[in-house]
Amino acid sequence: MIYLQSNIKQMSLRLKTIFITLITGSFILVSTNITGQISTGELGGASDEPDLNAIQTAVPFLTIAPDSRSGAMGDGGVATTPDVNSQHWNIGKYAFLDSKGGFAISYTPWLRNLIPDINLAYLSGFFRIDEQQVISTSLRYFSLGNITFTNIDGSFAGQYNPNEFAVDAGYSRLFTENFSGGIAFRFIRSDLTSGQTANGQETQAGISFAADLGFYYQNEVNVGPSDGEWAAGIALTNMGTPISYSVDADKTPIPTNLRLGGRFSYNIDEYNTISTHLDINKLLVPTPAVWGEDSTSGEQVVIRGKEAPGSTVMGMVQSFYDAPGGEPGTYTTFNEEMHEISYSVGVEYWYRKQFALRTGYYHEHASKGNRKYFTVGLGLQLNVFSLDFAYLIPTNGQNSPLANTLRFTLGFDFDDMNL
């Protein structure tokens, strides 16, 4: 039997770095005996700030912005103008696309400041059934790089590339001239150990089924001598079953998420258009409680916050009021709940609907992961295809794991292909 002591240490270190950066806090790897966990106290914030208490989820790759356009505007997109990558941001937006169909391919070398072989690939597409209805699909593949397995005496026992993917299909339609909605169903598979045996227990790939629900509204307005458009969107994503990596392991929730946002676009003249947007984002996953020893029984009990419920739906509801807060006399439960909201702001400028300049900012509280960065990007729209590029600039300098993150997207429009 292959023992995984050194392997799990290597895997755990890699996963800690990846998933802490992605705001998972601690991540249960394969069983109750093999974990990649960081306690709240180990990574505390400044003395006047709450300790790190990031929300725990499996498959955090589902929260990474997969496309270059939204990635250049602060990772926001629930109410931006509809495009081929709306599947990730708001499934309801597809119904407002004028094209009869299209697809796009995106690629992101991820966390290259830490590990040179982590990548995210994203393929999305849509097809218009009629004037009101659109079907869509996407495939997301996340490679965590190459891991070398060794046996108990340290000799080579094989190599494996941990990977995760999600494939989904969606449907959206117009309800009125200005309002649309959509739903998507998703299959998720996370294979981190290739079935290796650990502590006598065989591991397995984690499987989950999930759904997205999105609504979108847009309307034209007159602004002074010109006209514009305002829009609002709401999306509930990754509402699904938790994941386990072995038969006896506790299950970890996937990143169920609520995103709200608005946009305003202004046509400066017939050639120039500028848009601004704001997204607010919250994970609908229970916040880790603070545990301590009961003075009477000696058992571990919750001393602040709430224990996670067994139901996914109840976990979504509880996520709005279960933050433990700090020690008595410090920050409150309400303060911590507000810290769990992240913000994205972005600006997009188009010239003749052919060339775009984009920028944005993403903000997350220090106790929930401390991701803070600016984004910039370019876009080029030609008859048949579009090309987009995005670059991420963390506010804490080049030492950030997210520094030098690039995204590339190539899109194709069926209307101009004469199909």
Protein backbone atom coordinates (compact mmCIF):
# COMPACT_ATOMS: atom_id res chain seq x y z
CA MET A 1 0.00 0.00 0.00
CA ILE A 2 1.26 3.48 -0.83
CA TYR A 3 1.47 5.78 2.15
CA LEU A 4 0.74 9.43 1.50
CA GLN A 5 2.31 11.19 4.46
CA SER A 6 4.79 13.23 2.43
CA ASN A 7 2.36 13.48 -0.48
CA ILE A 8 -0.44 14.87 1.62
CA LYS A 9 1.93 17.35 3.21
CA GLN A 10 2.93 18.55 -0.24
CA MET A 11 -0.65 18.57 -1.48
CA SER A 12 -1.92 20.32 1.64
CA LEU A 13 0.71 23.04 1.36
CA ARG A 14 -0.24 23.67 -2.26
CA LEU A 15 -3.95 23.60 -1.53
CA LYS A 16 -3.56 25.86 1.51
CA THR A 17 -1.81 28.46 -0.61
CA ILE A 18 -4.34 28.20 -3.41
CA PHE A 19 -7.51 28.07 -1.38
CA ILE A 20 -6.55 30.61 1.27
CA THR A 21 -5.85 32.98 -1.59
CA LEU A 22 -9.27 32.10 -2.99
CA ILE A 23 -10.96 32.74 0.37
CA THR A 24 -11.79 29.32 1.58
CA GLY A 25 -10.16 29.57 4.99
CA SER A 26 -9.60 25.91 5.67
CA PHE A 27 -10.23 23.15 3.15
CA ILE A 28 -10.91 19.52 4.08
CA LEU A 29 -8.83 17.54 1.62
CA VAL A 30 -9.69 13.87 1.66
CA SER A 31 -10.82 12.62 5.07
CA THR A 32 -11.26 13.48 8.71
CA ASN A 33 -7.64 12.42 9.30
CA ILE A 34 -6.03 14.25 6.37
CA THR A 35 -6.68 17.95 6.20
CA GLY A 36 -5.24 21.16 4.86
CA GLN A 37 -6.57 23.48 7.55
CA ILE A 38 -5.57 26.86 8.89
CA SER A 39 -7.19 27.89 12.14
CA THR A 40 -8.63 31.32 12.72
CA GLY A 41 -5.90 32.28 15.10
CA GLU A 42 -3.00 31.20 12.89
CA LEU A 43 -3.60 33.92 10.32
CA GLY A 44 -5.01 36.75 12.39
CA GLY A 45 -5.29 40.29 11.18
CA ALA A 46 -3.97 43.45 12.75
CA SER A 47 -4.57 44.04 16.44
CA ASP A 48 -7.46 46.41 15.74
CA GLU A 49 -9.07 44.11 13.13
CA PRO A 50 -10.94 40.81 13.42
CA ASP A 51 -8.91 37.64 12.98
CA LEU A 52 -9.06 35.85 9.66
CA ASN A 53 -12.32 33.89 9.56
CA ALA A 54 -12.73 33.17 5.87
CA ILE A 55 -15.73 31.13 4.79
CA GLN A 56 -14.93 27.51 3.99
CA THR A 57 -15.93 25.99 0.64
CA ALA A 58 -14.84 23.24 -1.67
CA VAL A 59 -14.20 23.84 -5.42
CA PRO A 60 -13.41 27.57 -5.04
CA PHE A 61 -12.36 27.65 -8.71
CA LEU A 62 -16.06 28.27 -9.40
CA THR A 63 -15.66 31.79 -7.97
CA ILE A 64 -12.74 32.84 -10.22
CA ALA A 65 -13.71 35.31 -12.94
CA PRO A 66 -13.18 33.17 -16.06
CA ASP A 67 -13.31 35.78 -18.85
CA SER A 68 -11.17 38.79 -19.72
CA ARG A 69 -13.90 41.38 -20.15
CA SER A 70 -15.33 41.13 -16.62
CA GLY A 71 -11.87 40.33 -15.28
CA ALA A 72 -10.73 43.76 -16.53
CA MET A 73 -13.62 45.51 -14.73
CA GLY A 74 -12.96 44.44 -11.16
CA ASP A 75 -14.46 40.94 -11.52
CA GLY A 76 -17.99 42.28 -11.89
CA GLY A 77 -20.63 41.33 -14.40
CA VAL A 78 -24.11 40.68 -13.04
CA ALA A 79 -25.52 43.77 -14.82
CA THR A 80 -22.90 44.61 -17.45
CA THR A 81 -24.07 44.58 -21.06
CA PRO A 82 -24.81 40.98 -22.12
CA ASP A 83 -22.09 38.98 -23.86
CA VAL A 84 -21.18 35.38 -24.65
CA ASN A 85 -19.74 34.83 -21.14
CA SER A 86 -22.96 35.75 -19.30
CA GLN A 87 -23.28 32.11 -18.20
CA HIS A 88 -20.93 32.75 -15.27
CA TRP A 89 -22.25 36.14 -14.19
CA ASN A 90 -25.99 36.15 -14.84
CA ILE A 91 -27.72 33.53 -16.98
CA GLY A 92 -30.66 35.91 -17.50
CA LYS A 93 -28.63 38.34 -19.63
CA TYR A 94 -28.46 36.07 -22.68
CA ALA A 95 -32.03 36.90 -23.70
CA PHE A 96 -30.98 40.48 -24.56
CA LEU A 97 -28.22 39.52 -26.99
CA ASP A 98 -28.97 40.49 -30.60
CA SER A 99 -26.86 37.72 -32.14
CA LYS A 100 -28.27 34.34 -33.14
CA GLY A 101 -25.36 32.63 -31.41
CA GLY A 102 -21.68 32.56 -30.56
CA PHE A 103 -18.97 31.05 -28.43
CA ALA A 104 -15.78 32.11 -26.62
CA ILE A 105 -12.62 30.51 -25.28
CA SER A 106 -10.84 31.98 -22.23
CA TYR A 107 -7.54 31.09 -20.60
CA THR A 108 -6.04 32.25 -17.29
CA PRO A 109 -2.60 31.26 -15.93
CA TRP A 110 -3.52 31.37 -12.21
CA LEU A 111 -1.33 32.26 -9.20
CA ARG A 112 1.87 32.11 -11.26
CA ASN A 113 3.74 34.03 -8.56
CA LEU A 114 3.46 30.89 -6.39
CA ILE A 115 3.19 27.83 -8.63
CA PRO A 116 4.05 27.77 -12.35
CA ASP A 117 1.52 25.20 -13.59
CA ILE A 118 -1.97 26.22 -12.37
CA ASN A 119 -4.41 27.11 -15.16
CA LEU A 120 -8.09 27.90 -15.68
CA ALA A 121 -9.72 27.30 -19.07
CA TYR A 122 -13.28 28.33 -19.91
CA LEU A 123 -15.45 27.58 -22.94
CA SER A 124 -18.89 29.17 -23.23
CA GLY A 125 -21.51 29.45 -25.94
CA PHE A 126 -25.15 30.28 -26.66
CA PHE A 127 -27.74 29.78 -29.39
CA ARG A 128 -30.92 31.76 -29.94
CA ILE A 129 -34.03 29.59 -30.40
CA ASP A 130 -36.34 32.49 -31.29
CA GLU A 131 -36.82 36.16 -30.43
CA GLN A 132 -37.50 35.37 -26.77
CA GLN A 133 -35.56 32.20 -25.92
CA VAL A 134 -31.85 31.35 -25.70
CA ILE A 135 -30.03 28.17 -24.69
CA SER A 136 -26.45 28.24 -23.44
CA THR A 137 -23.65 26.05 -22.12
CA SER A 138 -20.17 26.30 -20.62
CA LEU A 139 -17.25 24.13 -19.60
CA ARG A 140 -14.75 25.22 -16.94
CA TYR A 141 -11.52 23.24 -16.35
CA PHE A 142 -9.09 23.98 -13.52
CA SER A 143 -5.68 22.29 -13.37
CA LEU A 144 -3.87 22.49 -10.04
CA GLY A 145 -0.49 21.55 -11.45
CA ASN A 146 1.65 18.44 -11.17
CA ILE A 147 2.02 16.58 -7.84
CA THR A 148 4.69 13.94 -7.19
CA PHE A 149 3.60 11.03 -4.95
CA THR A 150 6.12 9.11 -2.85
CA ASN A 151 5.86 6.11 -0.56
CA ILE A 152 6.73 5.94 3.14
CA ASP A 153 10.50 5.80 2.53
CA GLY A 154 10.42 8.77 0.18
CA SER A 155 10.91 6.90 -3.09
CA PHE A 156 9.01 7.92 -6.22
CA ALA A 157 5.52 6.38 -6.53
CA GLY A 158 4.04 8.30 -9.44
CA GLN A 159 2.83 11.70 -10.57
CA TYR A 160 -0.65 13.12 -10.84
CA ASN A 161 -2.29 16.31 -12.03
CA PRO A 162 -5.16 17.23 -9.65
CA ASN A 163 -7.98 18.82 -11.62
CA GLU A 164 -11.53 20.05 -11.30
CA PHE A 165 -14.16 20.81 -13.90
CA ALA A 166 -17.74 21.99 -14.19
CA VAL A 167 -20.08 21.66 -17.15
CA ASP A 168 -23.49 23.29 -17.35
CA ALA A 169 -26.45 24.00 -19.59
CA GLY A 170 -28.82 26.95 -19.32
CA TYR A 171 -32.03 28.45 -20.60
CA SER A 172 -33.04 32.12 -20.59
CA ARG A 173 -35.96 34.08 -22.00
CA LEU A 174 -37.51 37.52 -22.22
CA PHE A 175 -40.49 38.03 -19.92
CA THR A 176 -41.15 41.60 -21.06
CA GLU A 177 -39.46 44.09 -23.35
CA ASN A 178 -37.11 45.08 -20.52
CA PHE A 179 -36.96 42.08 -18.18
CA SER A 180 -35.47 38.60 -18.55
CA GLY A 181 -34.53 35.59 -16.47
CA GLY A 182 -32.75 32.27 -16.77
CA ILE A 183 -31.76 29.04 -15.09
CA ALA A 184 -28.71 26.78 -15.47
CA PHE A 185 -27.90 23.30 -14.20
CA ARG A 186 -24.31 22.30 -13.40
CA PHE A 187 -22.29 19.11 -12.87
CA ILE A 188 -19.08 19.51 -10.84
CA ARG A 189 -16.24 17.01 -10.43
CA SER A 190 -13.17 17.60 -8.24
CA ASP A 191 -10.39 14.97 -8.40
CA LEU A 192 -7.51 15.87 -6.07
CA THR A 193 -5.89 12.50 -5.29
CA SER A 194 -6.55 10.09 -8.20
CA GLY A 195 -8.01 7.50 -5.84
CA GLN A 196 -4.87 7.12 -3.70
CA THR A 197 -5.16 5.37 -0.34
CA ALA A 198 -4.59 7.41 2.81
CA ASN A 199 -4.51 5.95 6.32
CA GLY A 200 -6.10 2.80 4.98
CA GLN A 201 -8.97 4.69 3.39
CA GLU A 202 -9.46 4.99 -0.35
CA THR A 203 -10.09 8.51 -1.58
CA GLN A 204 -12.45 9.48 -4.37
CA ALA A 205 -13.33 12.38 -6.63
CA GLY A 206 -15.82 14.83 -5.18
CA ILE A 207 -19.09 15.16 -7.11
CA SER A 208 -21.74 17.87 -6.88
CA PHE A 209 -24.87 18.97 -8.75
CA ALA A 210 -25.85 22.64 -8.68
CA ALA A 211 -28.09 25.26 -10.26
CA ASP A 212 -27.97 28.98 -11.08
CA LEU A 213 -30.85 31.43 -11.18
CA GLY A 214 -30.51 34.92 -12.69
CA PHE A 215 -32.70 37.94 -13.51
CA TYR A 216 -31.82 41.04 -15.50
CA TYR A 217 -33.55 44.35 -16.28
CA GLN A 218 -32.47 47.12 -18.66
CA ASN A 219 -34.13 50.29 -19.90
CA GLU A 220 -33.20 53.29 -22.02
CA VAL A 221 -33.11 56.80 -20.55
CA ASN A 222 -32.56 60.30 -21.93
CA VAL A 223 -29.64 62.16 -20.37
CA GLY A 224 -29.27 65.75 -21.51
CA PRO A 225 -28.49 65.99 -25.20
CA SER A 226 -27.88 62.26 -25.59
CA ASP A 227 -29.33 58.97 -24.41
CA GLY A 228 -28.22 56.13 -22.20
CA GLU A 229 -29.27 52.92 -20.53
CA TRP A 230 -29.48 51.66 -16.98
CA ALA A 231 -29.61 48.04 -15.88
CA ALA A 232 -29.87 45.92 -12.74
CA GLY A 233 -29.22 42.25 -12.15
CA ILE A 234 -29.37 39.56 -9.47
CA ALA A 235 -27.87 36.08 -9.64
CA LEU A 236 -27.90 33.10 -7.27
CA THR A 237 -25.18 30.70 -8.38
CA ASN A 238 -23.85 27.29 -7.37
CA MET A 239 -26.86 26.28 -5.31
CA GLY A 240 -25.98 22.63 -4.89
CA THR A 241 -24.90 19.60 -2.93
CA PRO A 242 -21.78 19.60 -0.70
CA ILE A 243 -18.67 17.62 -1.62
CA SER A 244 -16.75 14.82 0.12
CA TYR A 245 -13.47 13.19 -0.91
CA SER A 246 -13.92 9.89 0.92
CA VAL A 247 -16.80 7.78 2.21
CA ASP A 248 -16.39 8.76 5.87
CA ALA A 249 -15.29 12.38 5.47
CA ASP A 250 -17.48 15.32 6.44
CA LYS A 251 -18.95 17.10 3.44
CA THR A 252 -17.85 20.62 2.55
CA PRO A 253 -20.30 23.08 0.90
CA ILE A 254 -19.65 24.43 -2.56
CA PRO A 255 -19.50 28.26 -3.03
CA THR A 256 -23.18 29.16 -3.26
CA ASN A 257 -23.18 32.85 -4.05
CA LEU A 258 -25.45 35.91 -4.22
CA ARG A 259 -24.51 38.76 -6.54
CA LEU A 260 -26.40 42.04 -6.97
CA GLY A 261 -25.44 44.87 -9.26
CA GLY A 262 -26.31 47.83 -11.43
CA ARG A 263 -25.00 49.57 -14.55
CA PHE A 264 -25.32 52.91 -16.27
CA SER A 265 -24.25 53.44 -19.88
CA TYR A 266 -24.03 56.82 -21.61
CA ASN A 267 -23.71 57.43 -25.36
CA ILE A 268 -21.41 60.44 -25.55
CA ASP A 269 -21.99 60.66 -29.32
CA GLU A 270 -22.46 58.23 -32.19
CA TYR A 271 -18.90 56.91 -31.81
CA ASN A 272 -18.19 56.96 -28.07
CA THR A 273 -19.93 55.11 -25.20
CA ILE A 274 -18.96 54.80 -21.55
CA SER A 275 -20.43 52.46 -18.91
CA THR A 276 -19.98 52.14 -15.17
CA HIS A 277 -21.09 49.27 -12.96
CA LEU A 278 -21.16 48.21 -9.32
CA ASP A 279 -21.47 44.63 -8.01
CA ILE A 280 -21.85 43.46 -4.43
CA ASN A 281 -21.16 39.84 -3.66
CA LYS A 282 -21.80 37.48 -0.71
CA LEU A 283 -21.13 33.78 -0.24
CA LEU A 284 -24.26 32.03 1.04
CA VAL A 285 -22.25 29.54 3.08
CA PRO A 286 -22.19 29.27 6.90
CA THR A 287 -19.40 31.21 8.63
CA PRO A 288 -17.10 29.03 10.78
CA ALA A 289 -18.11 29.24 14.43
CA VAL A 290 -15.68 29.72 17.33
CA TRP A 291 -15.39 26.53 19.38
CA GLY A 292 -14.18 26.07 22.94
CA GLU A 293 -14.20 23.59 25.80
CA ASP A 294 -17.29 23.35 27.98
CA SER A 295 -16.26 23.96 31.58
CA THR A 296 -18.65 21.31 32.89
CA SER A 297 -18.46 18.42 30.41
CA GLY A 298 -15.08 19.16 28.84
CA GLU A 299 -16.58 18.71 25.37
CA GLN A 300 -16.01 21.07 22.47
CA VAL A 301 -18.99 23.42 22.06
CA VAL A 302 -19.81 26.55 20.04
CA ILE A 303 -19.02 29.63 22.12
CA ARG A 304 -19.68 32.24 19.42
CA GLY A 305 -21.55 31.96 16.16
CA LYS A 306 -23.64 29.01 15.03
CA GLU A 307 -22.90 25.43 14.08
CA ALA A 308 -23.40 24.73 10.39
CA PRO A 309 -26.79 23.11 9.64
CA GLY A 310 -27.08 19.88 7.70
CA SER A 311 -29.32 21.40 5.01
CA THR A 312 -27.90 23.40 2.10
CA VAL A 313 -30.97 25.66 2.02
CA MET A 314 -30.79 26.32 5.76
CA GLY A 315 -27.08 27.05 5.37
CA MET A 316 -27.90 29.71 2.75
CA VAL A 317 -30.41 31.34 5.12
CA GLN A 318 -28.16 31.07 8.18
CA SER A 319 -25.26 32.69 6.31
CA PHE A 320 -26.93 36.08 6.83
CA TYR A 321 -26.79 35.98 10.65
CA ASP A 322 -24.26 33.37 11.84
CA ALA A 323 -20.99 35.35 11.97
CA PRO A 324 -19.39 34.83 15.42
CA GLY A 325 -18.10 38.37 15.84
CA GLY A 326 -15.26 39.06 18.24
CA GLU A 327 -14.61 38.83 21.93
CA PRO A 328 -17.18 40.66 24.10
CA GLY A 329 -16.64 44.39 23.80
CA THR A 330 -15.02 44.24 20.34
CA TYR A 331 -16.58 43.98 16.88
CA THR A 332 -20.11 42.58 16.60
CA THR A 333 -21.84 39.89 14.58
CA PHE A 334 -23.30 42.62 12.34
CA ASN A 335 -19.83 44.02 11.68
CA GLU A 336 -18.54 40.63 10.58
CA GLU A 337 -21.58 39.99 8.39
CA MET A 338 -20.86 43.28 6.61
CA HIS A 339 -17.22 42.22 6.20
CA GLU A 340 -18.43 39.20 4.22
CA ILE A 341 -19.67 41.44 1.41
CA SER A 342 -17.15 42.13 -1.35
CA TYR A 343 -17.41 44.93 -3.90
CA SER A 344 -16.56 45.30 -7.58
CA VAL A 345 -16.60 48.57 -9.51
CA GLY A 346 -15.73 48.94 -13.17
CA VAL A 347 -15.65 51.30 -16.13
CA GLU A 348 -15.79 50.40 -19.81
CA TYR A 349 -15.24 52.75 -22.77
CA TRP A 350 -16.09 51.80 -26.36
CA TYR A 351 -15.05 53.60 -29.53
CA ARG A 352 -17.27 52.81 -32.54
CA LYS A 353 -18.20 49.55 -30.81
CA GLN A 354 -14.89 48.18 -32.04
CA PHE A 355 -12.23 49.13 -29.50
CA ALA A 356 -12.67 49.04 -25.71
CA LEU A 357 -10.71 50.27 -22.71
CA ARG A 358 -11.58 48.85 -19.28
CA THR A 359 -10.58 49.26 -15.66
CA GLY A 360 -11.96 48.31 -12.26
CA TYR A 361 -11.35 47.61 -8.59
CA TYR A 362 -12.17 44.67 -6.33
CA HIS A 363 -12.34 44.96 -2.54
CA GLU A 364 -12.62 42.28 0.12
CA HIS A 365 -12.22 42.77 3.88
CA ALA A 366 -8.94 41.67 5.47
CA SER A 367 -10.66 39.18 7.79
CA LYS A 368 -12.29 37.41 4.85
CA GLY A 369 -9.28 37.00 2.59
CA ASN A 370 -7.93 40.52 1.96
CA ARG A 371 -8.13 40.43 -1.83
CA LYS A 372 -7.79 44.02 -3.01
CA TYR A 373 -6.70 44.81 -6.54
CA PHE A 374 -7.09 47.05 -9.56
CA THR A 375 -7.73 45.62 -13.02
CA VAL A 376 -7.17 46.95 -16.53
CA GLY A 377 -7.88 45.56 -19.97
CA LEU A 378 -8.43 46.02 -23.68
CA GLY A 379 -11.02 44.73 -26.13
CA LEU A 380 -11.16 44.48 -29.90
CA GLN A 381 -14.41 43.67 -31.76
CA LEU A 382 -14.16 42.72 -35.44
CA ASN A 383 -16.77 41.30 -37.82
CA VAL A 384 -16.29 37.64 -37.00
CA PHE A 385 -14.36 37.52 -33.76
CA SER A 386 -13.49 39.50 -30.64
CA LEU A 387 -10.27 39.53 -28.62
CA ASP A 388 -10.08 40.62 -24.97
CA PHE A 389 -7.20 40.94 -22.53
CA ALA A 390 -7.11 41.66 -18.77
CA TYR A 391 -4.36 42.31 -16.23
CA LEU A 392 -4.63 42.30 -12.43
CA ILE A 393 -2.70 44.74 -10.18
CA PRO A 394 -2.85 43.86 -6.45
CA THR A 395 -2.68 46.79 -4.04
CA ASN A 396 -0.17 45.01 -1.78
CA GLY A 397 2.49 44.84 -4.48
CA GLN A 398 4.29 42.19 -6.47
CA ASN A 399 4.56 39.83 -3.49
CA SER A 400 0.85 39.05 -3.75
CA PRO A 401 -0.01 35.57 -5.09
CA LEU A 402 -2.37 37.31 -7.53
CA ALA A 403 0.29 39.61 -8.99
CA ASN A 404 0.84 39.44 -12.77
CA THR A 405 -2.41 37.57 -13.39
CA LEU A 406 -3.37 37.68 -17.08
CA ARG A 407 -6.56 36.63 -18.82
CA PHE A 408 -7.18 36.08 -22.53
CA THR A 409 -10.52 35.59 -24.31
CA LEU A 410 -11.23 34.87 -27.97
CA GLY A 411 -14.87 35.09 -29.05
CA PHE A 412 -16.79 34.27 -32.25
CA ASP A 413 -20.16 35.56 -33.46
CA PHE A 414 -22.37 33.34 -35.63
CA ASP A 415 -24.13 36.35 -37.20
CA ASP A 416 -20.99 37.30 -39.11
CA MET A 417 -20.00 33.75 -40.08
CA ASN A 418 -22.75 33.35 -42.70
CA LEU A 419 -23.77 29.99 -41.21
